[in-house]
Amino acid sequence: WLALAGISESKTYYITIAELEGMQGKTAERRLRVAGDVQPGSIVRSADRVQFVLRQENRTLKVVYTGRDPLPDTFRDNAQALADGRLGPDGVFEAKKIQAKCASKYEAKPGAPQPTSRAT
């Protein structure tokens, strides 16, 4: 039974902010992963938490991170982030883990020539 409980707890789903909004009350005590971009200017750091806003298209989600691990170096404004945790009763996502990558490192600058592949 303990093995099954552990497997069940480790299952998570990547959802969008729109999907989270559409779940209306079905998220209580459910571990979720929500993806989005860190809204510029929204990161507020304090001694025991980091608050920020994830955005996707015209939707936003307030997030508070209280995990023990330090945030990744790539966590900054406009970074693509994945928050792992639960939605609180107040509508704020309570994250215990954060993953982030800086999209600008992996995308070509506007107007830059795109790499091409050639047969050798």
N, C-alpha and C. Protein backbone atom coordinates (compact mmCIF):
# COMPACT_ATOMS: atom_id res chain seq x y z
N TRP A 1 0.83 -1.19 0.00
CA TRP A 1 0.00 0.00 0.00
C TRP A 1 0.87 1.25 0.00
N LEU A 2 1.94 1.27 0.78
CA LEU A 2 2.81 2.45 0.83
C LEU A 2 3.44 2.74 -0.51
N ALA A 3 3.82 1.69 -1.24
CA ALA A 3 4.41 1.90 -2.56
C ALA A 3 3.39 2.56 -3.49
N LEU A 4 2.16 2.10 -3.46
CA LEU A 4 1.12 2.68 -4.30
C LEU A 4 0.84 4.12 -3.91
N ALA A 5 0.83 4.40 -2.62
CA ALA A 5 0.59 5.77 -2.17
C ALA A 5 1.71 6.68 -2.65
N GLY A 6 2.94 6.20 -2.60
CA GLY A 6 4.08 6.99 -3.06
C GLY A 6 4.01 7.25 -4.55
N ILE A 7 3.63 6.25 -5.32
CA ILE A 7 3.49 6.43 -6.77
C ILE A 7 2.40 7.44 -7.07
N SER A 8 1.29 7.33 -6.38
CA SER A 8 0.19 8.26 -6.60
C SER A 8 0.59 9.69 -6.29
N GLU A 9 1.36 9.90 -5.22
CA GLU A 9 1.77 11.24 -4.83
C GLU A 9 2.75 11.84 -5.83
N SER A 10 3.56 10.98 -6.48
CA SER A 10 4.58 11.50 -7.39
C SER A 10 4.01 11.85 -8.77
N LYS A 11 2.79 11.45 -9.06
CA LYS A 11 2.19 11.78 -10.36
C LYS A 11 1.81 13.25 -10.40
N THR A 12 2.28 13.95 -11.39
CA THR A 12 1.88 15.34 -11.56
C THR A 12 1.63 15.60 -13.03
N TYR A 13 0.91 16.65 -13.30
CA TYR A 13 0.56 17.02 -14.65
C TYR A 13 1.00 18.45 -14.91
N TYR A 14 1.48 18.71 -16.11
CA TYR A 14 1.82 20.07 -16.50
C TYR A 14 0.55 20.69 -17.06
N ILE A 15 0.11 21.77 -16.48
CA ILE A 15 -1.11 22.42 -16.96
C ILE A 15 -0.84 23.89 -17.24
N THR A 16 -1.71 24.46 -18.03
CA THR A 16 -1.62 25.89 -18.32
C THR A 16 -2.41 26.65 -17.26
N ILE A 17 -2.21 27.95 -17.22
CA ILE A 17 -2.97 28.78 -16.28
C ILE A 17 -4.45 28.72 -16.63
N ALA A 18 -4.78 28.70 -17.91
CA ALA A 18 -6.19 28.61 -18.33
C ALA A 18 -6.81 27.29 -17.85
N GLU A 19 -6.06 26.20 -17.96
CA GLU A 19 -6.58 24.91 -17.49
C GLU A 19 -6.79 24.93 -15.98
N LEU A 20 -5.88 25.55 -15.25
CA LEU A 20 -6.02 25.66 -13.80
C LEU A 20 -7.28 26.44 -13.44
N GLU A 21 -7.51 27.55 -14.13
CA GLU A 21 -8.72 28.35 -13.88
C GLU A 21 -9.98 27.54 -14.17
N GLY A 22 -9.94 26.69 -15.18
CA GLY A 22 -11.10 25.89 -15.55
C GLY A 22 -11.39 24.73 -14.61
N MET A 23 -10.47 24.42 -13.72
CA MET A 23 -10.67 23.29 -12.81
C MET A 23 -11.59 23.63 -11.64
N GLN A 24 -11.82 24.88 -11.36
CA GLN A 24 -12.76 25.38 -10.35
C GLN A 24 -13.03 24.44 -9.18
N GLY A 25 -12.19 24.51 -8.16
CA GLY A 25 -12.43 23.75 -6.94
C GLY A 25 -11.97 22.31 -6.98
N LYS A 26 -11.51 21.81 -8.11
CA LYS A 26 -11.08 20.42 -8.21
C LYS A 26 -9.59 20.27 -7.91
N THR A 27 -8.96 21.34 -7.44
CA THR A 27 -7.52 21.32 -7.22
C THR A 27 -7.13 21.16 -5.76
N ALA A 28 -8.08 21.17 -4.84
CA ALA A 28 -7.76 21.10 -3.41
C ALA A 28 -6.92 19.87 -3.10
N GLU A 29 -5.82 20.09 -2.39
CA GLU A 29 -4.92 19.02 -1.96
C GLU A 29 -4.31 18.23 -3.12
N ARG A 30 -4.38 18.75 -4.32
CA ARG A 30 -3.83 18.05 -5.48
C ARG A 30 -2.52 18.71 -5.89
N ARG A 31 -1.50 17.91 -6.04
CA ARG A 31 -0.20 18.42 -6.47
C ARG A 31 -0.26 18.66 -7.97
N LEU A 32 0.16 19.85 -8.38
CA LEU A 32 0.10 20.24 -9.78
C LEU A 32 1.40 20.90 -10.20
N ARG A 33 1.61 20.96 -11.49
CA ARG A 33 2.70 21.73 -12.08
C ARG A 33 2.08 22.69 -13.07
N VAL A 34 2.38 23.97 -12.89
CA VAL A 34 1.83 25.01 -13.76
C VAL A 34 2.99 25.71 -14.46
N ALA A 35 2.86 25.89 -15.77
CA ALA A 35 3.91 26.52 -16.55
C ALA A 35 3.49 27.92 -17.00
N GLY A 36 4.47 28.79 -17.15
CA GLY A 36 4.22 30.14 -17.65
C GLY A 36 5.51 30.93 -17.68
N ASP A 37 5.42 32.18 -18.05
CA ASP A 37 6.57 33.08 -18.08
C ASP A 37 6.51 33.99 -16.85
N VAL A 38 7.67 34.26 -16.26
CA VAL A 38 7.73 35.14 -15.10
C VAL A 38 7.46 36.57 -15.56
N GLN A 39 6.41 37.17 -15.02
CA GLN A 39 6.03 38.53 -15.40
C GLN A 39 7.11 39.51 -14.94
N PRO A 40 7.59 40.36 -15.87
CA PRO A 40 8.63 41.33 -15.50
C PRO A 40 8.21 42.22 -14.34
N GLY A 41 9.13 42.41 -13.39
CA GLY A 41 8.88 43.28 -12.24
C GLY A 41 8.07 42.66 -11.13
N SER A 42 7.70 41.38 -11.26
CA SER A 42 6.82 40.78 -10.25
C SER A 42 7.57 40.03 -9.15
N ILE A 43 8.87 39.81 -9.29
CA ILE A 43 9.61 39.01 -8.31
C ILE A 43 9.88 39.84 -7.05
N VAL A 44 9.40 39.32 -5.90
CA VAL A 44 9.61 39.97 -4.60
C VAL A 44 10.21 38.92 -3.67
N ARG A 45 11.45 39.16 -3.24
CA ARG A 45 12.15 38.21 -2.38
C ARG A 45 12.11 38.68 -0.93
N SER A 46 11.87 37.73 -0.02
CA SER A 46 11.96 38.02 1.41
C SER A 46 12.73 36.86 2.04
N ALA A 47 12.92 36.89 3.35
CA ALA A 47 13.75 35.90 4.03
C ALA A 47 13.27 34.46 3.83
N ASP A 48 11.97 34.24 3.86
CA ASP A 48 11.47 32.86 3.82
C ASP A 48 10.63 32.52 2.60
N ARG A 49 10.54 33.44 1.64
CA ARG A 49 9.69 33.17 0.47
C ARG A 49 10.07 34.07 -0.69
N VAL A 50 9.62 33.64 -1.87
CA VAL A 50 9.74 34.46 -3.07
C VAL A 50 8.36 34.50 -3.71
N GLN A 51 7.86 35.70 -3.96
CA GLN A 51 6.57 35.86 -4.62
C GLN A 51 6.81 36.37 -6.03
N PHE A 52 6.00 35.88 -6.97
CA PHE A 52 6.09 36.34 -8.36
C PHE A 52 4.80 36.00 -9.08
N VAL A 53 4.69 36.44 -10.30
CA VAL A 53 3.50 36.19 -11.11
C VAL A 53 3.92 35.45 -12.37
N LEU A 54 3.21 34.36 -12.66
CA LEU A 54 3.37 33.66 -13.93
C LEU A 54 2.33 34.20 -14.89
N ARG A 55 2.69 34.33 -16.16
CA ARG A 55 1.72 34.78 -17.16
C ARG A 55 1.77 33.88 -18.38
N GLN A 56 0.61 33.76 -19.00
CA GLN A 56 0.45 33.05 -20.27
C GLN A 56 -0.62 33.79 -21.03
N GLU A 57 -0.24 34.28 -22.19
CA GLU A 57 -1.16 35.08 -23.00
C GLU A 57 -1.73 36.20 -22.13
N ASN A 58 -3.04 36.25 -21.93
CA ASN A 58 -3.63 37.34 -21.13
C ASN A 58 -4.03 36.87 -19.73
N ARG A 59 -3.50 35.76 -19.28
CA ARG A 59 -3.84 35.22 -17.96
C ARG A 59 -2.62 35.29 -17.03
N THR A 60 -2.89 35.48 -15.74
CA THR A 60 -1.81 35.53 -14.76
C THR A 60 -2.15 34.67 -13.55
N LEU A 61 -1.10 34.26 -12.83
CA LEU A 61 -1.26 33.46 -11.62
C LEU A 61 -0.23 33.92 -10.60
N LYS A 62 -0.70 34.32 -9.42
CA LYS A 62 0.22 34.68 -8.33
C LYS A 62 0.80 33.40 -7.75
N VAL A 63 2.12 33.42 -7.51
CA VAL A 63 2.83 32.26 -6.98
C VAL A 63 3.66 32.70 -5.78
N VAL A 64 3.68 31.87 -4.74
CA VAL A 64 4.58 32.09 -3.62
C VAL A 64 5.41 30.81 -3.46
N TYR A 65 6.73 30.97 -3.50
CA TYR A 65 7.65 29.84 -3.37
C TYR A 65 8.22 29.81 -1.96
N THR A 66 8.02 28.68 -1.27
CA THR A 66 8.53 28.52 0.09
C THR A 66 9.40 27.27 0.20
N GLY A 67 9.90 26.78 -0.91
CA GLY A 67 10.73 25.58 -0.90
C GLY A 67 12.07 25.80 -0.23
N ARG A 68 12.78 24.72 -0.02
CA ARG A 68 14.08 24.77 0.65
C ARG A 68 15.23 24.98 -0.33
N ASP A 69 15.06 24.54 -1.56
CA ASP A 69 16.14 24.64 -2.54
C ASP A 69 16.27 26.06 -3.05
N PRO A 70 17.50 26.49 -3.33
CA PRO A 70 17.66 27.83 -3.92
C PRO A 70 17.04 27.85 -5.32
N LEU A 71 16.56 29.00 -5.71
CA LEU A 71 15.98 29.12 -7.05
C LEU A 71 17.08 28.99 -8.10
N PRO A 72 16.74 28.46 -9.28
CA PRO A 72 17.76 28.34 -10.33
C PRO A 72 18.29 29.70 -10.77
N ASP A 73 19.53 29.73 -11.25
CA ASP A 73 20.13 30.97 -11.74
C ASP A 73 19.33 31.55 -12.90
N THR A 74 18.62 30.70 -13.61
CA THR A 74 17.84 31.15 -14.78
C THR A 74 16.49 31.75 -14.40
N PHE A 75 16.15 31.74 -13.10
CA PHE A 75 14.88 32.32 -12.66
C PHE A 75 15.01 33.83 -12.61
N ARG A 76 14.35 34.50 -13.54
CA ARG A 76 14.38 35.97 -13.64
C ARG A 76 13.20 36.43 -14.48
N ASP A 77 13.06 37.73 -14.65
CA ASP A 77 11.98 38.27 -15.48
C ASP A 77 11.99 37.61 -16.85
N ASN A 78 10.80 37.28 -17.34
CA ASN A 78 10.56 36.68 -18.66
C ASN A 78 11.04 35.25 -18.81
N ALA A 79 11.60 34.64 -17.76
CA ALA A 79 12.03 33.25 -17.85
C ALA A 79 10.82 32.34 -17.96
N GLN A 80 10.98 31.25 -18.70
CA GLN A 80 9.95 30.22 -18.73
C GLN A 80 10.10 29.43 -17.44
N ALA A 81 9.03 29.33 -16.67
CA ALA A 81 9.11 28.69 -15.35
C ALA A 81 8.04 27.63 -15.19
N LEU A 82 8.35 26.68 -14.32
CA LEU A 82 7.43 25.61 -13.98
C LEU A 82 7.34 25.58 -12.46
N ALA A 83 6.15 25.83 -11.93
CA ALA A 83 5.93 25.84 -10.48
C ALA A 83 5.25 24.54 -10.08
N ASP A 84 5.80 23.87 -9.09
CA ASP A 84 5.30 22.58 -8.62
C ASP A 84 4.76 22.76 -7.21
N GLY A 85 3.47 22.53 -7.02
CA GLY A 85 2.87 22.71 -5.70
C GLY A 85 1.37 22.53 -5.72
N ARG A 86 0.68 23.37 -4.95
CA ARG A 86 -0.78 23.28 -4.82
C ARG A 86 -1.40 24.67 -4.88
N LEU A 87 -2.63 24.73 -5.35
CA LEU A 87 -3.36 25.99 -5.37
C LEU A 87 -4.00 26.21 -4.01
N GLY A 88 -3.69 27.32 -3.37
CA GLY A 88 -4.24 27.64 -2.06
C GLY A 88 -5.69 28.09 -2.16
N PRO A 89 -6.40 28.08 -1.04
CA PRO A 89 -7.81 28.49 -1.03
C PRO A 89 -8.00 29.95 -1.43
N ASP A 90 -6.93 30.75 -1.32
CA ASP A 90 -7.00 32.17 -1.69
C ASP A 90 -6.67 32.41 -3.17
N GLY A 91 -6.43 31.31 -3.92
CA GLY A 91 -6.13 31.45 -5.35
C GLY A 91 -4.66 31.68 -5.65
N VAL A 92 -3.82 31.70 -4.61
CA VAL A 92 -2.37 31.85 -4.81
C VAL A 92 -1.76 30.46 -4.89
N PHE A 93 -0.91 30.24 -5.89
CA PHE A 93 -0.27 28.95 -6.07
C PHE A 93 0.90 28.85 -5.10
N GLU A 94 0.91 27.81 -4.25
CA GLU A 94 1.93 27.60 -3.23
C GLU A 94 2.95 26.60 -3.75
N ALA A 95 4.07 27.10 -4.26
CA ALA A 95 5.07 26.24 -4.90
C ALA A 95 6.13 25.76 -3.92
N LYS A 96 6.49 24.50 -4.05
CA LYS A 96 7.57 23.91 -3.26
C LYS A 96 8.82 23.69 -4.12
N LYS A 97 8.65 23.68 -5.44
CA LYS A 97 9.77 23.53 -6.38
C LYS A 97 9.55 24.47 -7.55
N ILE A 98 10.65 25.01 -8.06
CA ILE A 98 10.60 25.88 -9.24
C ILE A 98 11.68 25.43 -10.21
N GLN A 99 11.32 25.32 -11.47
CA GLN A 99 12.28 25.09 -12.54
C GLN A 99 12.16 26.27 -13.48
N ALA A 100 13.27 26.67 -14.07
CA ALA A 100 13.21 27.82 -14.99
C ALA A 100 14.30 27.71 -16.03
N LYS A 101 14.00 28.26 -17.20
CA LYS A 101 15.03 28.42 -18.22
C LYS A 101 14.84 29.79 -18.84
N CYS A 102 15.92 30.38 -19.22
CA CYS A 102 15.87 31.70 -19.84
C CYS A 102 15.73 31.52 -21.34
N ALA A 103 14.56 31.80 -21.86
CA ALA A 103 14.28 31.57 -23.27
C ALA A 103 15.23 32.32 -24.18
N SER A 104 15.68 33.49 -23.76
CA SER A 104 16.52 34.31 -24.63
C SER A 104 17.85 33.63 -24.94
N LYS A 105 18.29 32.71 -24.09
CA LYS A 105 19.54 32.01 -24.34
C LYS A 105 19.41 31.01 -25.49
N TYR A 106 18.20 30.55 -25.75
CA TYR A 106 18.00 29.47 -26.70
C TYR A 106 17.34 29.91 -27.99
N GLU A 107 16.90 31.15 -28.06
CA GLU A 107 16.20 31.64 -29.25
C GLU A 107 17.07 32.64 -29.98
N ALA A 108 16.94 32.65 -31.32
CA ALA A 108 17.68 33.61 -32.12
C ALA A 108 17.12 35.00 -31.88
N LYS A 109 17.99 36.01 -31.94
CA LYS A 109 17.53 37.38 -31.80
C LYS A 109 16.71 37.74 -33.03
N PRO A 110 15.68 38.61 -32.87
CA PRO A 110 14.88 39.00 -34.03
C PRO A 110 15.76 39.58 -35.12
N GLY A 111 15.54 39.12 -36.35
CA GLY A 111 16.29 39.61 -37.49
C GLY A 111 17.60 38.88 -37.72
N ALA A 112 18.00 38.02 -36.77
CA ALA A 112 19.26 37.28 -36.93
C ALA A 112 19.04 36.13 -37.91
N PRO A 113 20.05 35.81 -38.71
CA PRO A 113 19.90 34.70 -39.65
C PRO A 113 19.72 33.39 -38.89
N GLN A 114 18.86 32.54 -39.41
CA GLN A 114 18.60 31.25 -38.80
C GLN A 114 19.67 30.26 -39.26
N PRO A 115 20.15 29.39 -38.37
CA PRO A 115 21.14 28.41 -38.77
C PRO A 115 20.53 27.43 -39.77
N THR A 116 21.34 26.99 -40.70
CA THR A 116 20.87 26.01 -41.69
C THR A 116 21.74 24.78 -41.58
N SER A 117 21.19 23.65 -41.94
CA SER A 117 21.97 22.41 -41.93
C SER A 117 22.35 22.06 -43.35
N ARG A 118 23.53 21.55 -43.51
CA ARG A 118 24.01 21.16 -44.83
C ARG A 118 24.52 19.74 -44.76
N ALA A 119 24.30 19.03 -45.82
CA ALA A 119 24.83 17.67 -45.90
C ALA A 119 26.33 17.75 -46.12
N THR A 120 27.07 16.90 -45.44
CA THR A 120 28.52 16.91 -45.63
C THR A 120 29.00 15.61 -46.19
